[in-house]
Protein backbone atom coordinates (compact mmCIF):
# COMPACT_ATOMS: atom_id res chain seq x y z
CA MET A 1 131.59 81.23 100.93
CA HIS A 2 134.12 82.10 98.23
CA PHE A 3 134.52 85.90 98.23
CA ALA A 4 136.33 86.41 94.91
CA TRP A 5 134.38 87.20 91.74
CA THR A 6 135.04 85.07 88.66
CA GLU A 7 136.30 86.66 85.46
CA GLU A 8 132.88 86.11 83.91
CA GLN A 9 131.10 87.85 86.81
CA THR A 10 133.55 90.77 86.73
CA ALA A 11 133.02 91.11 82.98
CA PHE A 12 129.24 91.08 83.41
CA ARG A 13 129.41 93.81 86.05
CA SER A 14 131.53 95.91 83.68
CA THR A 15 129.02 95.35 80.88
CA VAL A 16 126.17 96.59 83.07
CA ARG A 17 128.17 99.64 84.17
CA ASP A 18 129.05 100.47 80.57
CA PHE A 19 125.38 100.23 79.60
CA LEU A 20 124.40 102.59 82.42
CA ALA A 21 127.11 105.07 81.46
CA GLU A 22 125.85 105.09 77.87
CA HIS A 23 122.09 105.15 78.46
CA LEU A 24 121.46 107.20 81.60
CA PRO A 25 120.62 110.78 80.54
CA ASP A 26 122.45 113.85 81.79
CA ASN A 27 119.49 114.76 83.97
CA TRP A 28 119.21 111.30 85.53
CA GLU A 29 120.01 112.50 89.06
CA GLU A 30 117.05 114.88 88.96
CA LEU A 31 114.86 112.20 87.37
CA ALA A 32 115.78 109.62 90.03
CA HIS A 33 113.90 111.74 92.56
CA GLY A 34 110.42 110.27 92.79
CA PRO A 35 110.71 106.64 91.56
CA GLY A 36 106.99 106.47 90.78
CA SER A 37 106.70 109.82 89.04
CA ARG A 38 105.26 110.05 85.55
CA GLY A 39 108.62 111.25 84.23
CA GLN A 40 110.62 108.37 85.62
CA THR A 41 107.94 105.83 84.74
CA GLU A 42 108.04 106.91 81.10
CA PHE A 43 111.83 106.88 81.14
CA SER A 44 111.94 103.45 82.78
CA ARG A 45 109.71 101.88 80.12
CA ALA A 46 112.07 103.04 77.39
CA PHE A 47 115.15 102.16 79.45
CA CYS A 48 113.93 98.63 80.23
CA ALA A 49 113.13 98.04 76.57
CA ARG A 50 116.74 98.95 75.73
CA LEU A 51 117.97 96.71 78.55
CA SER A 52 115.95 93.87 77.06
CA GLU A 53 117.38 94.44 73.58
CA ALA A 54 120.87 94.29 75.09
CA GLY A 55 120.09 91.05 76.95
CA LEU A 56 120.43 92.76 80.32
CA LEU A 57 116.89 92.88 81.64
CA VAL A 58 116.27 89.23 82.54
CA PRO A 59 119.52 87.32 81.85
CA HIS A 60 118.81 84.97 84.78
CA TRP A 61 115.44 83.88 83.37
CA PRO A 62 115.11 80.67 81.35
CA HIS A 63 115.87 80.96 77.66
CA ARG A 64 112.28 80.13 76.71
CA TRP A 65 111.12 83.27 78.56
CA GLY A 66 113.64 85.67 77.05
CA GLY A 67 116.59 85.05 79.37
CA ARG A 68 119.82 83.15 78.95
CA ASP A 69 119.68 80.80 81.95
CA ALA A 70 122.24 82.82 83.91
CA ASP A 71 122.69 82.03 87.60
CA ALA A 72 121.57 83.74 90.81
CA TRP A 73 124.80 85.72 91.10
CA THR A 74 124.26 87.27 87.68
CA SER A 75 120.80 88.38 88.80
CA PHE A 76 122.18 89.95 91.96
CA ILE A 77 125.09 91.68 90.24
CA LEU A 78 122.57 93.23 87.85
CA ALA A 79 120.40 94.36 90.78
CA GLU A 80 123.39 95.80 92.66
CA GLU A 81 124.49 97.93 89.74
CA MET A 82 120.97 99.14 89.01
CA TRP A 83 120.36 100.16 92.63
CA ALA A 84 123.81 101.74 92.97
CA ALA A 85 122.82 103.98 90.04
CA GLY A 86 119.45 104.88 91.58
CA GLU A 87 117.35 102.05 90.06
CA PRO A 88 116.53 103.28 86.54
CA ARG A 89 114.31 100.24 85.98
CA GLY A 90 111.73 101.91 88.21
CA GLY A 91 108.95 99.58 89.32
CA GLN A 92 109.90 96.95 86.74
CA TYR A 93 112.47 95.55 89.16
CA MET A 94 109.48 93.69 90.70
CA ASN A 95 108.76 91.96 87.38
CA VAL A 96 112.39 90.94 87.07
CA ASN A 97 112.98 89.84 90.66
CA TRP A 98 109.89 87.98 91.74
CA ILE A 99 106.66 88.40 89.78
CA GLY A 100 108.00 86.84 86.59
CA PRO A 101 109.71 83.91 88.37
CA THR A 102 106.58 83.35 90.49
CA LEU A 103 104.41 83.10 87.37
CA MET A 104 106.93 80.72 85.80
CA ARG A 105 106.51 78.38 88.76
CA PHE A 106 102.83 78.68 89.62
CA GLY A 107 101.09 80.22 86.60
CA SER A 108 98.94 78.39 84.10
CA ALA A 109 100.17 78.10 80.52
CA GLU A 110 97.73 80.82 79.48
CA GLN A 111 98.85 83.15 82.29
CA GLN A 112 102.50 82.59 81.44
CA GLU A 113 102.02 83.25 77.74
CA ARG A 114 99.99 86.37 78.44
CA HIS A 115 102.09 88.02 81.13
CA ILE A 116 105.72 86.88 80.95
CA PRO A 117 106.78 87.94 77.41
CA PRO A 118 105.82 91.63 77.96
CA MET A 119 107.88 91.57 81.17
CA ALA A 120 110.88 90.17 79.32
CA ARG A 121 110.55 92.94 76.72
CA GLY A 122 110.33 95.66 79.39
CA GLN A 123 106.89 96.69 78.20
CA THR A 124 104.75 96.32 81.31
CA LEU A 125 104.56 97.58 84.87
CA TRP A 126 103.03 95.67 87.79
CA CYS A 127 102.03 96.63 91.32
CA GLN A 128 101.41 94.39 94.32
CA GLY A 129 98.12 94.57 96.18
CA PHE A 130 99.15 93.32 99.63
CA SER A 131 98.88 95.92 102.44
CA GLU A 132 95.52 97.15 103.71
CA PRO A 133 94.44 99.94 106.08
CA GLU A 134 93.59 97.54 108.91
CA SER A 135 96.27 94.91 108.32
CA GLY A 136 99.43 96.63 107.08
CA SER A 137 102.08 93.96 106.52
CA ASP A 138 100.11 91.34 108.44
CA LEU A 139 98.80 89.49 105.42
CA ALA A 140 96.88 86.94 107.48
CA SER A 141 94.46 89.64 108.63
CA LEU A 142 93.61 91.11 105.23
CA ARG A 143 89.96 91.88 104.58
CA THR A 144 89.68 92.37 100.82
CA ARG A 145 87.40 89.56 99.73
CA ALA A 146 86.74 87.72 96.51
CA ASP A 147 83.28 86.17 96.42
CA ARG A 148 82.37 83.40 94.02
CA ASP A 149 80.16 84.52 91.12
CA GLY A 150 79.53 81.75 88.64
CA ASP A 151 82.83 80.87 86.97
CA GLY A 152 84.50 83.99 88.34
CA TYR A 153 84.74 86.23 91.39
CA ARG A 154 83.62 89.65 92.55
CA ILE A 155 86.25 91.51 94.55
CA HIS A 156 85.52 94.14 97.21
CA GLY A 157 88.04 95.90 99.42
CA GLN A 158 90.86 98.38 99.69
CA LYS A 159 94.65 98.31 99.41
CA ILE A 160 97.05 100.95 100.64
CA TRP A 161 100.71 101.97 100.20
CA THR A 162 100.55 100.37 96.76
CA SER A 163 103.67 101.45 94.88
CA TYR A 164 103.30 102.35 91.18
CA ALA A 165 99.55 101.60 91.12
CA GLY A 166 98.80 104.82 89.24
CA ALA A 167 100.79 103.68 86.20
CA ALA A 168 100.66 99.89 86.57
CA ASP A 169 99.10 97.65 83.96
CA THR A 170 98.45 94.67 86.25
CA CYS A 171 98.16 94.04 89.99
CA PHE A 172 99.40 90.96 91.85
CA LEU A 173 96.44 91.02 94.23
CA LEU A 174 95.76 89.13 97.44
CA ALA A 175 92.13 88.62 98.44
CA ARG A 176 90.27 86.45 100.90
CA THR A 177 88.22 83.64 99.36
CA SER A 178 87.39 81.90 102.67
CA PRO A 179 88.04 82.45 106.39
CA GLY A 180 91.37 81.73 108.06
CA LYS A 181 95.02 81.86 107.06
CA SER A 182 94.48 79.25 104.36
CA GLY A 183 91.64 81.23 102.80
CA ILE A 184 93.74 83.75 100.85
CA SER A 185 94.07 83.60 97.06
CA ILE A 186 96.01 85.50 94.40
CA PHE A 187 94.52 87.25 91.39
CA LEU A 188 96.34 88.68 88.38
CA LEU A 189 94.16 91.74 87.99
CA PRO A 190 94.32 94.14 85.00
CA MET A 191 94.26 97.67 86.43
CA ASP A 192 91.80 98.85 83.80
CA THR A 193 89.12 96.46 85.08
CA PRO A 194 85.88 98.33 85.88
CA GLY A 195 85.43 99.03 89.58
CA ILE A 196 89.08 99.88 90.36
CA THR A 197 89.83 103.39 91.64
CA VAL A 198 93.40 104.57 92.33
CA ARG A 199 94.20 107.62 94.45
CA ASP A 200 97.62 109.12 95.08
CA ILE A 201 98.90 109.33 98.64
CA PRO A 202 100.99 112.50 99.13
CA SER A 203 104.48 111.28 99.86
CA ILE A 204 107.76 112.80 100.93
CA ILE A 205 109.59 110.45 98.57
CA GLY A 206 108.08 111.87 95.44
CA GLU A 207 105.14 112.10 93.09
CA GLY A 208 103.24 108.97 92.13
CA ASP A 209 105.00 106.47 94.36
CA LEU A 210 102.27 105.47 96.83
CA HIS A 211 98.54 104.93 96.30
CA GLU A 212 95.28 103.74 97.73
CA VAL A 213 93.45 101.22 95.56
CA PHE A 214 89.69 100.78 95.97
CA LEU A 215 88.00 97.65 94.61
CA ASP A 216 84.26 98.06 94.26
CA ASP A 217 82.48 95.00 92.85
CA VAL A 218 85.39 94.18 90.53
CA LYS A 219 84.47 91.16 88.43
CA VAL A 220 87.27 88.82 87.34
CA PRO A 221 87.17 85.43 85.62
CA GLY A 222 88.34 82.33 87.43
CA THR A 223 91.29 82.19 85.05
CA ALA A 224 92.68 85.31 86.74
CA MET A 225 93.51 83.29 89.87
CA LEU A 226 97.16 82.30 90.27
CA GLY A 227 97.45 78.74 91.53
CA ARG A 228 94.63 77.15 93.48
CA GLU A 229 92.08 78.80 95.73
CA GLY A 230 93.67 79.28 99.15
CA GLN A 231 97.23 78.71 97.90
CA ALA A 232 98.37 82.31 98.33
CA TRP A 233 100.23 81.80 101.60
CA HIS A 234 102.51 79.16 100.08
CA ILE A 235 103.13 81.16 96.89
CA VAL A 236 103.67 84.51 98.62
CA ARG A 237 106.12 83.07 101.13
CA GLU A 238 108.41 82.05 98.27
CA ALA A 239 107.81 85.28 96.34
CA LEU A 240 108.63 87.50 99.34
CA SER A 241 111.88 85.64 99.89
CA LEU A 242 112.89 86.66 96.38
CA GLU A 243 111.74 90.24 96.96
CA ARG A 244 113.34 90.84 100.35
CA VAL A 245 116.85 89.98 99.17
CA GLY A 246 116.33 90.96 95.53
CA ILE A 247 116.49 94.67 96.38
CA PRO A 248 120.13 95.51 97.26
CA ARG A 249 119.42 98.95 98.66
CA PHE A 250 122.76 98.76 100.44
CA ALA A 251 124.45 99.37 97.08
CA LEU A 252 122.85 102.81 96.75
CA ALA A 253 123.39 103.52 100.46
CA LEU A 254 127.10 102.76 100.19
CA ARG A 255 127.53 104.90 97.09
CA MET A 256 125.73 107.80 98.76
CA LEU A 257 127.86 107.42 101.91
CA GLU A 258 131.00 107.61 99.79
CA ARG A 259 129.57 110.63 98.02
CA ALA A 260 128.89 112.41 101.31
CA VAL A 261 132.36 111.60 102.68
CA THR A 262 133.97 112.90 99.48
CA ALA A 263 132.06 116.17 99.83
CA LEU A 264 133.17 116.50 103.45
CA LYS A 265 136.80 115.86 102.55
CA ARG A 266 136.62 118.38 99.73
CA SER A 267 135.49 121.05 102.18
CA ASP A 268 138.03 119.94 104.81
CA ARG A 269 135.27 118.86 107.22
CA PHE A 270 136.10 115.16 107.53
CA GLY A 271 137.61 114.64 110.99
CA VAL A 272 137.19 112.33 113.96
CA GLU A 273 133.63 113.48 114.63
CA THR A 274 132.58 112.51 111.12
CA ALA A 275 134.91 109.55 110.54
CA VAL A 276 133.49 107.46 113.38
CA PRO A 277 129.80 107.56 112.30
CA ALA A 278 130.91 107.18 108.67
CA ALA A 279 132.83 104.03 109.60
CA ARG A 280 129.81 102.72 111.50
CA ALA A 281 127.55 103.29 108.50
CA ARG A 282 130.15 101.75 106.19
CA ALA A 283 130.34 98.63 108.36
CA ALA A 284 126.54 98.35 108.33
CA CYS A 285 126.51 98.50 104.52
CA GLU A 286 129.13 95.76 104.39
CA ALA A 287 127.17 93.60 106.85
CA ALA A 288 124.02 93.99 104.75
CA ARG A 289 125.93 93.11 101.59
CA LEU A 290 127.47 89.95 103.05
CA TYR A 291 124.21 88.85 104.65
CA SER A 292 122.49 89.23 101.27
CA TYR A 293 125.32 87.34 99.58
CA GLN A 294 124.72 84.45 101.99
CA ILE A 295 121.13 84.20 100.74
CA VAL A 296 122.22 84.39 97.09
CA ASP A 297 124.77 81.65 97.78
CA GLN A 298 121.97 79.48 99.19
CA ARG A 299 119.93 80.00 96.05
CA GLN A 300 122.91 79.22 93.88
CA ARG A 301 123.34 75.89 95.71
CA GLY A 302 119.63 75.08 95.66
CA VAL A 303 119.20 75.54 99.42
CA THR A 304 115.74 76.67 100.49
CA THR A 305 115.89 80.13 102.06
CA GLY A 306 114.14 80.51 105.40
CA PRO A 307 113.88 83.35 107.91
CA GLU A 308 117.45 84.36 107.05
CA ALA A 309 115.87 86.44 104.28
CA SER A 310 114.16 88.58 106.91
CA ALA A 311 117.46 89.07 108.72
CA ALA A 312 119.16 90.14 105.51
CA ARG A 313 116.29 92.49 104.81
CA PHE A 314 116.54 94.11 108.24
CA ALA A 315 120.32 94.49 107.90
CA THR A 316 119.68 96.48 104.73
CA ILE A 317 117.09 98.64 106.49
CA ALA A 318 119.61 99.36 109.26
CA CYS A 319 122.39 100.41 106.90
CA GLU A 320 120.09 102.70 104.93
CA ARG A 321 118.98 104.41 108.10
CA LEU A 322 122.55 104.91 109.32
CA VAL A 323 123.60 106.46 106.01
CA ALA A 324 120.54 108.72 105.98
CA GLU A 325 121.24 109.83 109.55
CA PHE A 326 124.88 110.55 108.66
CA VAL A 327 123.82 112.79 105.78
CA VAL A 328 121.27 114.62 107.93
CA GLU A 329 123.88 115.25 110.63
CA HIS A 330 126.89 116.16 108.54
CA CYS A 331 125.65 117.16 105.05
CA PRO A 332 122.30 118.87 105.69
CA ALA A 333 122.73 121.22 102.72
CA ALA A 334 122.46 118.18 100.43
CA LEU A 335 118.86 117.76 101.55
CA CYS A 336 118.00 121.33 100.58
CA GLY A 337 118.58 120.80 96.88
CA ASN A 338 122.38 120.90 96.70
CA ASP A 339 122.63 117.21 95.79
CA PRO A 340 119.54 115.55 94.25
CA MET A 341 120.90 112.01 94.56
CA LEU A 342 121.64 112.34 98.27
CA LEU A 343 118.16 113.79 98.69
CA ALA A 344 116.63 110.95 96.69
CA HIS A 345 118.42 108.37 98.83
CA HIS A 346 117.36 110.09 102.03
CA GLN A 347 113.73 110.03 100.95
CA ARG A 348 113.90 106.37 99.98
CA ALA A 349 115.62 105.49 103.26
CA ILE A 350 112.67 106.99 105.15
CA VAL A 351 110.40 104.28 103.77
CA ALA A 352 112.99 101.49 103.71
CA GLY A 353 111.36 99.98 106.77
CA LEU A 354 108.00 99.71 104.99
CA ALA A 355 108.83 98.34 101.54
CA SER A 356 108.92 94.53 101.20
CA GLY A 357 107.35 94.11 104.62
CA ALA A 358 107.59 96.44 107.60
CA ALA A 359 110.76 96.34 109.69
CA GLU A 360 108.76 95.37 112.77
CA ILE A 361 107.31 92.37 110.92
CA GLN A 362 110.83 91.33 109.91
CA LEU A 363 111.97 91.55 113.55
CA ASN A 364 109.03 89.40 114.66
CA LEU A 365 109.92 86.78 112.04
CA ILE A 366 113.58 86.87 113.08
CA ALA A 367 112.66 86.45 116.74
CA SER A 368 110.18 83.63 116.26
CA GLN A 369 111.52 81.73 113.25
CA LEU A 370 115.28 82.37 113.26
CA LEU A 371 116.03 82.70 117.00
CA GLY A 372 113.17 80.53 118.24
CA LEU A 373 112.19 82.99 120.95
CA PRO A 374 108.86 82.41 122.69
CA ARG A 375 106.02 84.85 122.32
CA GLU A 376 105.06 86.80 125.40
CA PRO A 377 101.68 85.71 126.80
CA ARG A 378 98.92 88.23 126.22
């Protein structure tokens, strides 16, 4: 891997930073608390529209879909800078990272024309209907079902931990159309469809971030299905690879670690007892960054990403946890309202092991698929 940035990449990073400096409001650090709150959701819609106008929302997308055919590194540089600032795109990062590209590859012409342009303009918010009360991140065991009804389907079931569902326009929904692992299908479901009920789940990370979604005899046309019936496993495997490494949480963790260390130095409290755990957390952030860069490099070279994506994801979880623990131990006042950004990061780090697939699921995938370890007999 070549570790130096090109002049073009350095210039792009500077362009993104300049845009953030100009367009983030003075109260952004307070607003960043609660990424699914009504206040940040409204801000993010306006912010993403401005990003789109500046050519900075989806530069890595094909030109026909509002991008400029930029490469995988451009996409990741953009994501790094957004997350380092506290992710002002809100839930629209999912559109940018994986939902849009997934529709470009597997969607019908009608689905593409309907859904992709609003994403490119920053005008729509999606949620993903994956986890369920009895299955969690184990998608093969999901119970939400879609029963054939003429030319369409009727969907019954429940989703949980659904980020942004309260404000989302459309759900990328998984439902069972037949028994077995190969019996799962994907539906592009408008959230205003009759029969959908959304309830907030009280959350330590802020208002409006997590929800339960109840689907009671929700009727959808057959044209709402993405791909073929039973094709979800193949599609989702590719989509999750984009998601797991498309969220560079290590960028925010590193910036918050540096912020905490600066505060300790300012108060003359940065000594050996704090330097050692700070160095450990700093090394973890660097490991997560380089592991993620390895995956981006594979994409850039057209190499199919395998279970390495899960390893990169878990490295990011580990670094976030170490930074959060450092702040708890050495800067506890920051979590009592003295520093809203450190508090916001701490709250996000708490759920880092749940988003994009639970940490335990990632470890199982690493053990079985990357290391080739045998499963213990039951």
